[in-house]
Every structure is written in structure tokens, then in C-alpha cells.
Amino acid sequence: MRVLLPPITKVLLISWWVIGLLLFAAGGSFSLAAVSLNNQIFSDLSIGYLLGILVYPFLHDSFLHLLLNSIVFASLGALLESTLTRKLFIKILAVATVAPALIWLSIGLLAGSEPSHVVGSSGMAYALLGACLCMFPNMQVSLIIVQLKLYLVAGALIAFSFFATIFQIFGAQWGNSAHSIHLFGALFGWLLVGGHQRFSLSELPFLASLRQRKQRFDADKRRQNSQRVDDILAKVSRSGIGSLSPAERKFLEQQSRKK
């Protein structure tokens, strides 16, 4: 079956693979650090480091890195590019490239990180993930042998990136990934499709379930109270008001005040 990708998604994927294959063919003769997102930019404003803020998503340091980013980007990019306006789709990709990069550099500066550099399109992929989380939270996602709703998968990935970013701010290392780029890529993607306008804590599945349980509990309580009122009134009809106990009188007064 032929898979048709929208033009922007297709062009980006082709460019990543062409550049990736050329770099893999070059082997160790080309230094990715020289043109990547590099935290040495604060001490060396070279053209390579400045360009790195824009070109780092087009560079990948391994075949697996390139493959995984391509799979995620192709899946989510095809969905969003065909759903959003072209202008908004490009805006998400542009913001997800530059803004998380600047935040990563700032965190590194504040935390006094060791010299390091970042390559890869994970920030873009996470931006699309954040946008899809806002627009299609209940979409089914296939993970080899299981299917889960998108909000579970995205929530787990973003939560991991959040805690990893916090640890990195305080000097701890959680692998070689730039978790802050993942986290803020997802955040900007979510914001740019109006996540801040659509989001409500009460709409979270867990809280929605609690709200439904409370509504059922309240409805049951009202039915029980109504039945007790009927029983007390029937007792009054049979034996007169003097037959009521103090507790029954108090209950009737409480129910009358609620109406």
C-alpha cells in the first residue's frame, strides 16, 4: 500500500535522511558538534554554533535516532499537516526548533553544565505530540502489541521529560537526551493549537470519572432522602405529627430548607 505524506512532512523527512546518510557515509571526518546546538555558544559566537540553533533538527547522531524520530514525525506530521492550516503547521515546527533550543541553552548556563551539544528532531516530534494531545487526546495509538489512548502515552513521555529536566537543572544527568527540549517542544506544540484555551482540570479523564461518581452518589442520596420524606409524611398521615421522633422532625426541617 502506498503511503502519501503531506508536502512539508515529506520534504523534512527526505532532507533528514539525505543529510543523515551523507553524514553516516562521512564517518568520523565530520564533527556534528561544530554545527549543532552547542552550549559553548556563550564563549564562542562562531557561525557554526549560531547556525546550530536552526539546523540541529536536521542532524542525527545515529541511525536509530534518525529512524525513531522519522517514525514519530511521519505519523503525527501527516495527521496534523492535513488538519491544521499550513501557516500554523510551519509555525509549530519553527517555534519548536528555536524556543526549546534557547531554553536548553539557558538551563545549561544557569546549571553550569559541562560542554555538550544537541542534535535531532525530537523537539519537533514532541511539539507534534503536544499538539495531538490537545486535539486528539483519546486517539488510539498502537505500540507494537498493545493499543493505548494518546493521552496516556503522551502524558507518560511528557511527565518523564518534566522530571528529567528538573533533575538536570540541579546538575543530575538522565542519559544523553536533552529532556528540556522534549518538554518545551511538547508545551509549545500544545499551546500553539490552543491548549491553554481548551484545557480544564475537570476534563482530565481521572477527574471526570470522579465527577461522574460524585454525581451518581448525589443522585442516590437525593432519592434516599426523598423516600425518607415520603415515609415520614406517611407516618404523619397515619399517626399525626406527634408521633415523629426528634430526629425525624429535624430531618423534615432540613429538607424543607433545601427546597
Protein backbone atom coordinates (compact mmCIF):
# COMPACT_ATOMS: atom_id res chain seq x y z
CA MET A 1 0.00 0.00 0.00
CA ARG A 2 1.36 3.38 -0.97
CA VAL A 3 1.66 5.88 1.87
CA LEU A 4 1.09 9.51 0.87
CA LEU A 5 2.67 12.13 3.09
CA PRO A 6 1.74 15.83 3.02
CA PRO A 7 4.39 18.03 1.34
CA ILE A 8 6.05 19.68 4.37
CA THR A 9 6.28 16.42 6.30
CA LYS A 10 7.66 14.67 3.22
CA VAL A 11 10.28 17.35 2.46
CA LEU A 12 11.55 17.37 6.05
CA LEU A 13 11.79 13.60 6.21
CA ILE A 14 13.65 13.41 2.91
CA SER A 15 16.06 16.15 3.98
CA TRP A 16 16.77 14.40 7.29
CA TRP A 17 17.53 11.12 5.57
CA VAL A 18 19.66 12.65 2.81
CA ILE A 19 21.72 14.61 5.35
CA GLY A 20 21.82 11.62 7.69
CA LEU A 21 23.06 9.20 5.05
CA LEU A 22 25.71 11.67 3.91
CA LEU A 23 26.92 12.11 7.49
CA PHE A 24 26.95 8.37 8.12
CA ALA A 25 28.95 7.91 4.92
CA ALA A 26 31.42 10.57 6.05
CA GLY A 27 32.00 8.67 9.27
CA GLY A 28 34.15 10.49 11.80
CA SER A 29 35.52 13.00 9.30
CA PHE A 30 32.73 15.48 10.13
CA SER A 31 32.11 16.88 13.61
CA LEU A 32 28.43 17.28 14.45
CA ALA A 33 29.36 19.38 17.47
CA ALA A 34 30.70 22.12 15.17
CA VAL A 35 27.27 22.89 13.66
CA SER A 36 24.89 21.59 16.32
CA LEU A 37 23.04 23.24 19.17
CA ASN A 38 26.06 23.72 21.43
CA ASN A 39 26.22 25.29 24.88
CA GLN A 40 29.69 26.61 24.07
CA ILE A 41 27.95 29.34 22.10
CA PHE A 42 28.24 31.65 25.13
CA SER A 43 32.02 31.57 24.96
CA ASP A 44 32.41 31.19 21.20
CA LEU A 45 29.98 33.02 18.93
CA SER A 46 31.09 31.14 15.84
CA ILE A 47 28.96 30.91 12.71
CA GLY A 48 28.63 27.15 13.23
CA TYR A 49 27.22 27.49 16.73
CA LEU A 50 24.83 30.26 15.68
CA LEU A 51 23.59 28.22 12.73
CA GLY A 52 23.29 25.25 15.05
CA ILE A 53 20.23 26.81 16.68
CA LEU A 54 18.44 26.42 13.34
CA VAL A 55 20.00 23.32 11.79
CA TYR A 56 20.30 20.92 14.74
CA PRO A 57 16.93 19.22 13.95
CA PHE A 58 18.34 18.15 10.58
CA LEU A 59 21.28 16.30 12.17
CA HIS A 60 21.17 12.92 13.91
CA ASP A 61 23.96 11.08 15.68
CA SER A 62 22.83 7.52 14.89
CA PHE A 63 20.67 5.54 12.51
CA LEU A 64 18.30 4.53 15.33
CA HIS A 65 17.94 8.17 16.43
CA LEU A 66 17.00 9.16 12.90
CA LEU A 67 14.66 6.21 12.43
CA LEU A 68 12.68 6.73 15.64
CA ASN A 69 12.27 10.46 15.08
CA SER A 70 11.19 9.80 11.49
CA ILE A 71 8.53 7.27 12.51
CA VAL A 72 7.00 9.61 15.10
CA PHE A 73 7.23 12.67 12.87
CA ALA A 74 5.75 10.90 9.85
CA SER A 75 2.79 9.60 11.86
CA LEU A 76 1.94 12.80 13.70
CA GLY A 77 3.04 15.16 10.94
CA ALA A 78 0.78 13.51 8.38
CA LEU A 79 -2.17 13.87 10.74
CA LEU A 80 -1.56 17.47 11.78
CA GLU A 81 -0.47 18.86 8.42
CA SER A 82 -3.72 17.60 6.90
CA THR A 83 -5.73 19.04 9.82
CA LEU A 84 -4.13 22.42 10.55
CA THR A 85 -3.51 25.32 8.22
CA ARG A 86 -0.12 25.26 6.54
CA LYS A 87 0.83 28.52 8.25
CA LEU A 88 0.10 27.12 11.72
CA PHE A 89 1.87 23.83 11.00
CA ILE A 90 5.02 25.68 9.89
CA LYS A 91 4.75 27.97 12.92
CA ILE A 92 4.67 24.97 15.27
CA LEU A 93 7.78 23.49 13.66
CA ALA A 94 9.65 26.81 13.68
CA VAL A 95 8.81 27.62 17.29
CA ALA A 96 9.58 24.05 18.37
CA THR A 97 13.02 24.40 16.79
CA VAL A 98 14.14 27.73 18.23
CA ALA A 99 12.29 28.27 21.53
CA PRO A 100 13.20 24.96 23.24
CA ALA A 101 16.77 25.37 21.99
CA LEU A 102 17.08 28.76 23.68
CA ILE A 103 15.56 27.35 26.87
CA TRP A 104 18.02 24.42 26.81
CA LEU A 105 20.91 26.85 26.41
CA SER A 106 19.58 28.98 29.28
CA ILE A 107 19.19 25.97 31.58
CA GLY A 108 22.72 24.86 30.75
CA LEU A 109 24.05 28.32 31.54
CA LEU A 110 22.20 28.54 34.86
CA ALA A 111 23.11 24.99 35.89
CA GLY A 112 26.74 25.34 34.85
CA SER A 113 26.56 22.27 32.61
CA GLU A 114 29.59 20.61 31.11
CA PRO A 115 30.25 21.31 27.39
CA SER A 116 27.61 19.47 25.39
CA HIS A 117 25.69 19.65 22.15
CA VAL A 118 22.30 18.54 20.86
CA VAL A 119 21.21 17.16 17.51
CA GLY A 120 17.98 15.63 16.31
CA SER A 121 14.38 16.46 15.51
CA SER A 122 12.95 15.23 18.81
CA GLY A 123 11.82 18.75 19.73
CA MET A 124 9.71 18.90 16.57
CA ALA A 125 8.34 15.42 17.21
CA TYR A 126 7.38 16.34 20.77
CA ALA A 127 5.76 19.56 19.52
CA LEU A 128 3.53 17.48 17.26
CA LEU A 129 2.86 15.14 20.18
CA GLY A 130 1.79 18.09 22.34
CA ALA A 131 -0.48 19.41 19.58
CA CYS A 132 -2.08 15.99 19.10
CA LEU A 133 -2.52 15.66 22.86
CA CYS A 134 -4.61 18.83 22.78
CA MET A 135 -6.60 17.99 19.66
CA PHE A 136 -6.93 14.18 19.77
CA PRO A 137 -6.39 13.06 23.40
CA ASN A 138 -8.47 9.90 23.01
CA MET A 139 -6.93 8.78 19.72
CA GLN A 140 -5.77 5.16 19.82
CA VAL A 141 -2.01 4.68 19.49
CA SER A 142 -0.54 1.30 18.51
CA LEU A 143 2.56 0.29 20.47
CA ILE A 144 3.58 -2.96 18.76
CA ILE A 145 1.37 -5.36 20.77
CA VAL A 146 -0.96 -3.01 22.64
CA GLN A 147 -3.16 -0.04 21.88
CA LEU A 148 -3.38 2.88 24.28
CA LYS A 149 -5.08 6.24 24.18
CA LEU A 150 -2.82 9.09 23.17
CA TYR A 151 -3.19 10.98 26.44
CA LEU A 152 -1.69 8.02 28.33
CA VAL A 153 1.32 7.70 26.02
CA ALA A 154 1.91 11.45 25.70
CA GLY A 155 1.33 12.01 29.40
CA ALA A 156 3.93 9.40 30.36
CA LEU A 157 6.54 10.77 27.93
CA ILE A 158 5.99 14.39 28.92
CA ALA A 159 5.99 13.56 32.64
CA PHE A 160 9.30 11.74 32.24
CA SER A 161 10.75 14.73 30.38
CA PHE A 162 9.49 17.06 33.11
CA PHE A 163 11.15 15.18 35.97
CA ALA A 164 14.32 14.60 33.94
CA THR A 165 14.51 18.33 33.20
CA ILE A 166 14.15 19.16 36.91
CA PHE A 167 16.95 16.76 37.77
CA GLN A 168 19.16 18.20 35.03
CA ILE A 169 18.58 21.74 36.32
CA PHE A 170 20.04 20.62 39.63
CA GLY A 171 23.04 19.00 37.99
CA ALA A 172 21.94 15.37 37.69
CA GLN A 173 22.15 13.52 34.37
CA TRP A 174 19.36 11.36 32.99
CA GLY A 175 21.04 9.88 29.94
CA ASN A 176 22.25 11.87 26.97
CA SER A 177 18.88 13.27 25.90
CA ALA A 178 18.05 16.97 26.03
CA HIS A 179 14.88 16.42 28.05
CA SER A 180 14.10 20.13 28.32
CA ILE A 181 13.85 20.32 24.52
CA HIS A 182 11.35 17.44 24.58
CA LEU A 183 9.37 19.04 27.41
CA PHE A 184 9.19 22.54 25.98
CA GLY A 185 8.68 21.25 22.44
CA ALA A 186 5.54 19.48 23.69
CA LEU A 187 4.47 22.55 25.66
CA PHE A 188 4.79 24.93 22.70
CA GLY A 189 3.01 22.49 20.39
CA TRP A 190 0.16 22.22 22.87
CA LEU A 191 -0.05 25.99 23.36
CA LEU A 192 0.05 26.85 19.65
CA VAL A 193 -3.07 24.81 18.89
CA GLY A 194 -4.93 26.48 21.75
CA GLY A 195 -4.28 24.02 24.55
CA HIS A 196 -4.43 26.78 27.16
CA GLN A 197 -7.94 27.66 25.93
CA ARG A 198 -9.25 24.12 25.71
CA PHE A 199 -7.67 22.71 28.83
CA SER A 200 -9.56 22.33 32.08
CA LEU A 201 -8.55 20.21 35.04
CA SER A 202 -12.12 18.98 35.25
CA GLU A 203 -11.78 17.45 31.78
CA LEU A 204 -8.93 15.15 32.75
CA PRO A 205 -10.20 11.54 32.45
CA PHE A 206 -9.40 10.73 36.08
CA LEU A 207 -11.14 13.83 37.43
CA ALA A 208 -14.05 13.38 35.02
CA SER A 209 -14.53 9.87 36.42
CA LEU A 210 -14.51 11.23 39.97
CA ARG A 211 -17.04 13.89 38.99
CA GLN A 212 -19.35 11.26 37.49
CA ARG A 213 -19.09 9.15 40.64
CA LYS A 214 -19.97 12.16 42.79
CA GLN A 215 -22.95 12.95 40.56
CA ARG A 216 -24.20 9.36 40.92
CA PHE A 217 -23.66 9.49 44.69
CA ASP A 218 -25.57 12.78 44.97
CA ALA A 219 -28.43 11.40 42.86
CA ASP A 220 -28.65 8.29 45.06
CA LYS A 221 -28.61 10.47 48.18
CA ARG A 222 -31.45 12.63 46.82
CA ARG A 223 -33.51 9.52 46.06
CA GLN A 224 -32.91 8.16 49.55
CA ASN A 225 -33.86 11.48 51.15
CA SER A 226 -36.98 11.74 49.01
CA GLN A 227 -38.01 8.23 50.01
CA ARG A 228 -37.43 9.02 53.70
CA VAL A 229 -39.54 12.19 53.42
CA ASP A 230 -42.36 10.15 51.87
CA ASP A 231 -42.13 7.59 54.68
CA ILE A 232 -42.22 10.30 57.38
CA LEU A 233 -45.20 12.04 55.76
CA ALA A 234 -47.00 8.71 55.55
CA LYS A 235 -46.34 8.24 59.28
CA VAL A 236 -47.77 11.71 59.98
CA SER A 237 -50.84 10.83 57.91
CA ARG A 238 -51.37 7.64 59.91
CA SER A 239 -50.47 8.72 63.44
CA GLY A 240 -50.24 12.52 63.48
CA ILE A 241 -47.32 14.92 63.85
CA GLY A 242 -46.86 13.99 67.50
CA SER A 243 -45.72 10.51 66.52
CA LEU A 244 -42.49 11.83 64.96
CA SER A 245 -39.18 11.43 66.76
CA PRO A 246 -36.88 14.45 67.27
CA ALA A 247 -34.58 13.07 64.53
CA GLU A 248 -37.48 12.80 62.07
CA ARG A 249 -38.64 16.35 62.86
CA LYS A 250 -35.11 17.68 62.35
CA PHE A 251 -34.78 15.80 59.04
CA LEU A 252 -38.04 17.28 57.72
CA GLU A 253 -36.92 20.78 58.69
CA GLN A 254 -33.59 20.28 56.89
CA GLN A 255 -35.29 19.04 53.73
CA SER A 256 -37.79 21.90 53.74
CA ARG A 257 -34.94 24.44 53.94
CA LYS A 258 -33.29 22.88 50.88
CA LYS A 259 -36.36 23.47 48.71
